[in-house]
Amino acid sequence: MKKAIAIILVILLLGAAVGGFFIYRHASSTIGKSAATEIALKDAGLERNQVYDLDVEYEDGLYEVEFESAKGEFSYRIDARTGAIVTGGIDR
């Protein structure tokens, strides 16, 4: 019984270490949600207090930033590593 508990603990510790490594690697190799948001807002010519319904999601190496303002609805896809705008602007 002690051996089984020890094995389970080792597996859990290894899993936590591997998971922590990938979280660290992702966080250190991407610009982050905040920076992606600022890039999209700057391109739209807006400040954070001028937008609502802001939604930022990470998927497949891109941040998808969507928000609304008095100007209209905006949608951006931003490269998570470089910060380059892949697609984006006001939705028509």
N, C-alpha and C. Protein backbone atom coordinates (compact mmCIF):
# COMPACT_ATOMS: atom_id res chain seq x y z
N MET A 1 0.82 -1.19 0.00
CA MET A 1 0.00 0.00 0.00
C MET A 1 0.87 1.27 0.00
N LYS A 2 1.92 1.28 0.82
CA LYS A 2 2.81 2.44 0.88
C LYS A 2 3.52 2.64 -0.47
N LYS A 3 3.86 1.52 -1.10
CA LYS A 3 4.54 1.59 -2.40
C LYS A 3 3.62 2.22 -3.45
N ALA A 4 2.34 1.84 -3.44
CA ALA A 4 1.38 2.39 -4.41
C ALA A 4 1.19 3.88 -4.19
N ILE A 5 1.12 4.31 -2.94
CA ILE A 5 0.96 5.74 -2.64
C ILE A 5 2.20 6.51 -3.09
N ALA A 6 3.37 5.94 -2.84
CA ALA A 6 4.62 6.58 -3.25
C ALA A 6 4.67 6.72 -4.77
N ILE A 7 4.27 5.70 -5.49
CA ILE A 7 4.26 5.75 -6.96
C ILE A 7 3.28 6.82 -7.46
N ILE A 8 2.12 6.87 -6.86
CA ILE A 8 1.12 7.88 -7.25
C ILE A 8 1.65 9.29 -6.99
N LEU A 9 2.30 9.49 -5.85
CA LEU A 9 2.87 10.80 -5.53
C LEU A 9 3.96 11.20 -6.53
N VAL A 10 4.79 10.26 -6.91
CA VAL A 10 5.85 10.53 -7.89
C VAL A 10 5.22 10.91 -9.23
N ILE A 11 4.21 10.19 -9.64
CA ILE A 11 3.53 10.49 -10.91
C ILE A 11 2.89 11.89 -10.86
N LEU A 12 2.25 12.21 -9.75
CA LEU A 12 1.64 13.53 -9.61
C LEU A 12 2.68 14.64 -9.64
N LEU A 13 3.80 14.43 -8.96
CA LEU A 13 4.87 15.44 -8.95
C LEU A 13 5.47 15.62 -10.34
N LEU A 14 5.70 14.53 -11.05
CA LEU A 14 6.23 14.63 -12.41
C LEU A 14 5.24 15.33 -13.33
N GLY A 15 3.96 15.00 -13.18
CA GLY A 15 2.93 15.67 -13.99
C GLY A 15 2.88 17.15 -13.71
N ALA A 16 2.98 17.54 -12.45
CA ALA A 16 2.97 18.96 -12.09
C ALA A 16 4.20 19.66 -12.65
N ALA A 17 5.35 19.01 -12.60
CA ALA A 17 6.57 19.61 -13.12
C ALA A 17 6.49 19.82 -14.64
N VAL A 18 6.02 18.82 -15.34
CA VAL A 18 5.89 18.92 -16.79
C VAL A 18 4.85 19.99 -17.16
N GLY A 19 3.72 19.99 -16.47
CA GLY A 19 2.69 21.00 -16.72
C GLY A 19 3.21 22.39 -16.44
N GLY A 20 3.93 22.56 -15.34
CA GLY A 20 4.50 23.86 -15.00
C GLY A 20 5.48 24.33 -16.05
N PHE A 21 6.29 23.42 -16.59
CA PHE A 21 7.23 23.78 -17.64
C PHE A 21 6.51 24.32 -18.87
N PHE A 22 5.46 23.64 -19.29
CA PHE A 22 4.74 24.08 -20.49
C PHE A 22 4.01 25.40 -20.26
N ILE A 23 3.49 25.60 -19.07
CA ILE A 23 2.85 26.89 -18.76
C ILE A 23 3.89 27.99 -18.80
N TYR A 24 5.06 27.76 -18.19
CA TYR A 24 6.14 28.75 -18.21
C TYR A 24 6.60 29.03 -19.63
N ARG A 25 6.78 27.98 -20.40
CA ARG A 25 7.25 28.13 -21.78
C ARG A 25 6.26 28.95 -22.61
N HIS A 26 4.96 28.66 -22.44
CA HIS A 26 3.94 29.41 -23.18
C HIS A 26 3.95 30.88 -22.75
N ALA A 27 4.00 31.12 -21.46
CA ALA A 27 3.94 32.48 -20.95
C ALA A 27 5.17 33.29 -21.36
N SER A 28 6.31 32.66 -21.45
CA SER A 28 7.53 33.40 -21.77
C SER A 28 7.74 33.55 -23.27
N SER A 29 7.00 32.82 -24.08
CA SER A 29 7.21 32.89 -25.52
C SER A 29 6.09 33.63 -26.26
N THR A 30 5.12 34.15 -25.52
CA THR A 30 4.04 34.91 -26.15
C THR A 30 3.98 36.31 -25.57
N ILE A 31 3.34 37.21 -26.29
CA ILE A 31 3.28 38.61 -25.85
C ILE A 31 2.30 38.81 -24.70
N GLY A 32 1.33 37.92 -24.57
CA GLY A 32 0.35 38.02 -23.50
C GLY A 32 -0.93 38.71 -23.95
N LYS A 33 -2.01 38.43 -23.24
CA LYS A 33 -3.32 38.97 -23.59
C LYS A 33 -3.36 40.49 -23.50
N SER A 34 -2.73 41.03 -22.48
CA SER A 34 -2.74 42.48 -22.28
C SER A 34 -2.07 43.20 -23.45
N ALA A 35 -0.92 42.71 -23.88
CA ALA A 35 -0.22 43.34 -25.00
C ALA A 35 -1.01 43.20 -26.30
N ALA A 36 -1.63 42.04 -26.51
CA ALA A 36 -2.45 41.83 -27.70
C ALA A 36 -3.62 42.81 -27.72
N THR A 37 -4.21 43.03 -26.56
CA THR A 37 -5.32 43.98 -26.46
C THR A 37 -4.85 45.39 -26.81
N GLU A 38 -3.71 45.79 -26.27
CA GLU A 38 -3.18 47.14 -26.54
C GLU A 38 -2.85 47.33 -28.02
N ILE A 39 -2.33 46.30 -28.67
CA ILE A 39 -2.02 46.37 -30.10
C ILE A 39 -3.30 46.60 -30.90
N ALA A 40 -4.35 45.85 -30.58
CA ALA A 40 -5.62 45.99 -31.29
C ALA A 40 -6.23 47.37 -31.05
N LEU A 41 -6.22 47.82 -29.80
CA LEU A 41 -6.80 49.14 -29.49
C LEU A 41 -6.05 50.26 -30.20
N LYS A 42 -4.72 50.16 -30.21
CA LYS A 42 -3.92 51.19 -30.89
C LYS A 42 -4.25 51.23 -32.38
N ASP A 43 -4.35 50.06 -32.99
CA ASP A 43 -4.69 50.00 -34.42
C ASP A 43 -6.07 50.60 -34.69
N ALA A 44 -7.00 50.38 -33.77
CA ALA A 44 -8.36 50.90 -33.93
C ALA A 44 -8.45 52.38 -33.57
N GLY A 45 -7.39 52.92 -32.96
CA GLY A 45 -7.41 54.32 -32.56
C GLY A 45 -8.30 54.57 -31.35
N LEU A 46 -8.35 53.58 -30.46
CA LEU A 46 -9.23 53.66 -29.30
C LEU A 46 -8.46 53.45 -28.01
N GLU A 47 -9.02 53.95 -26.91
CA GLU A 47 -8.49 53.71 -25.57
C GLU A 47 -9.36 52.64 -24.92
N ARG A 48 -8.82 52.01 -23.89
CA ARG A 48 -9.55 50.92 -23.20
C ARG A 48 -10.91 51.39 -22.68
N ASN A 49 -10.99 52.63 -22.20
CA ASN A 49 -12.26 53.13 -21.65
C ASN A 49 -13.30 53.48 -22.72
N GLN A 50 -12.94 53.34 -23.99
CA GLN A 50 -13.87 53.60 -25.07
C GLN A 50 -14.51 52.34 -25.64
N VAL A 51 -14.13 51.17 -25.12
CA VAL A 51 -14.64 49.91 -25.67
C VAL A 51 -15.40 49.13 -24.60
N TYR A 52 -16.23 48.23 -25.07
CA TYR A 52 -16.97 47.34 -24.19
C TYR A 52 -17.07 45.97 -24.86
N ASP A 53 -17.56 45.01 -24.12
CA ASP A 53 -17.64 43.62 -24.60
C ASP A 53 -16.29 43.13 -25.15
N LEU A 54 -15.22 43.47 -24.44
CA LEU A 54 -13.88 43.05 -24.82
C LEU A 54 -13.69 41.57 -24.52
N ASP A 55 -13.23 40.83 -25.51
CA ASP A 55 -12.99 39.40 -25.35
C ASP A 55 -11.65 39.06 -26.00
N VAL A 56 -10.76 38.42 -25.24
CA VAL A 56 -9.45 38.03 -25.75
C VAL A 56 -9.26 36.54 -25.49
N GLU A 57 -8.96 35.79 -26.55
CA GLU A 57 -8.74 34.36 -26.42
C GLU A 57 -7.48 33.97 -27.17
N TYR A 58 -6.81 32.95 -26.65
CA TYR A 58 -5.61 32.41 -27.29
C TYR A 58 -5.95 31.09 -27.96
N GLU A 59 -5.56 30.96 -29.23
CA GLU A 59 -5.81 29.70 -29.94
C GLU A 59 -4.84 29.57 -31.10
N ASP A 60 -4.16 28.45 -31.15
CA ASP A 60 -3.27 28.11 -32.27
C ASP A 60 -2.25 29.20 -32.58
N GLY A 61 -1.61 29.73 -31.56
CA GLY A 61 -0.55 30.72 -31.79
C GLY A 61 -1.04 32.13 -32.07
N LEU A 62 -2.34 32.35 -31.95
CA LEU A 62 -2.90 33.68 -32.21
C LEU A 62 -3.77 34.12 -31.04
N TYR A 63 -3.75 35.42 -30.79
CA TYR A 63 -4.72 36.00 -29.87
C TYR A 63 -5.86 36.55 -30.72
N GLU A 64 -7.06 36.19 -30.37
CA GLU A 64 -8.25 36.73 -31.03
C GLU A 64 -8.82 37.79 -30.09
N VAL A 65 -8.81 39.03 -30.55
CA VAL A 65 -9.26 40.16 -29.74
C VAL A 65 -10.50 40.74 -30.41
N GLU A 66 -11.60 40.80 -29.67
CA GLU A 66 -12.85 41.35 -30.19
C GLU A 66 -13.41 42.34 -29.19
N PHE A 67 -13.95 43.43 -29.71
CA PHE A 67 -14.56 44.43 -28.83
C PHE A 67 -15.50 45.31 -29.64
N GLU A 68 -16.31 46.07 -28.92
CA GLU A 68 -17.23 47.01 -29.54
C GLU A 68 -16.95 48.40 -29.00
N SER A 69 -17.30 49.40 -29.82
CA SER A 69 -17.17 50.80 -29.42
C SER A 69 -18.25 51.59 -30.16
N ALA A 70 -18.24 52.89 -29.94
CA ALA A 70 -19.18 53.75 -30.66
C ALA A 70 -18.90 53.72 -32.17
N LYS A 71 -17.67 53.40 -32.55
CA LYS A 71 -17.28 53.30 -33.97
C LYS A 71 -17.82 52.04 -34.63
N GLY A 72 -18.07 50.98 -33.83
CA GLY A 72 -18.55 49.72 -34.38
C GLY A 72 -17.90 48.53 -33.70
N GLU A 73 -18.04 47.37 -34.32
CA GLU A 73 -17.47 46.13 -33.80
C GLU A 73 -16.12 45.87 -34.46
N PHE A 74 -15.14 45.47 -33.65
CA PHE A 74 -13.80 45.21 -34.14
C PHE A 74 -13.41 43.77 -33.84
N SER A 75 -12.61 43.21 -34.73
CA SER A 75 -12.12 41.85 -34.57
C SER A 75 -10.68 41.78 -35.08
N TYR A 76 -9.78 41.25 -34.26
CA TYR A 76 -8.37 41.15 -34.63
C TYR A 76 -7.86 39.75 -34.36
N ARG A 77 -6.90 39.33 -35.17
CA ARG A 77 -6.12 38.12 -34.92
C ARG A 77 -4.67 38.59 -34.89
N ILE A 78 -4.01 38.36 -33.75
CA ILE A 78 -2.67 38.88 -33.53
C ILE A 78 -1.71 37.73 -33.23
N ASP A 79 -0.58 37.71 -33.94
CA ASP A 79 0.42 36.68 -33.73
C ASP A 79 0.91 36.73 -32.29
N ALA A 80 0.81 35.62 -31.59
CA ALA A 80 1.11 35.58 -30.15
C ALA A 80 2.60 35.73 -29.85
N ARG A 81 3.46 35.47 -30.81
CA ARG A 81 4.90 35.60 -30.57
C ARG A 81 5.44 36.96 -30.99
N THR A 82 4.99 37.46 -32.13
CA THR A 82 5.57 38.69 -32.67
C THR A 82 4.74 39.93 -32.38
N GLY A 83 3.45 39.76 -32.14
CA GLY A 83 2.56 40.90 -31.94
C GLY A 83 2.07 41.50 -33.24
N ALA A 84 2.39 40.87 -34.36
CA ALA A 84 1.94 41.37 -35.66
C ALA A 84 0.45 41.10 -35.85
N ILE A 85 -0.23 42.07 -36.42
CA ILE A 85 -1.66 41.89 -36.73
C ILE A 85 -1.77 41.03 -37.98
N VAL A 86 -2.39 39.87 -37.84
CA VAL A 86 -2.59 38.96 -38.96
C VAL A 86 -3.80 39.40 -39.76
N THR A 87 -4.90 39.63 -39.08
CA THR A 87 -6.09 40.20 -39.68
C THR A 87 -6.71 41.11 -38.63
N GLY A 88 -7.45 42.09 -39.10
CA GLY A 88 -8.11 42.90 -38.09
C GLY A 88 -8.65 44.21 -38.60
N GLY A 89 -9.54 44.74 -37.81
CA GLY A 89 -10.14 46.01 -38.11
C GLY A 89 -11.62 45.97 -37.77
N ILE A 90 -12.30 46.94 -38.28
CA ILE A 90 -13.73 47.06 -37.99
C ILE A 90 -14.50 46.04 -38.84
N ASP A 91 -15.46 45.38 -38.23
CA ASP A 91 -16.32 44.44 -38.94
C ASP A 91 -17.40 45.22 -39.67
N ARG A 92 -17.60 44.88 -40.89
CA ARG A 92 -18.61 45.59 -41.70
C ARG A 92 -19.76 44.68 -41.99
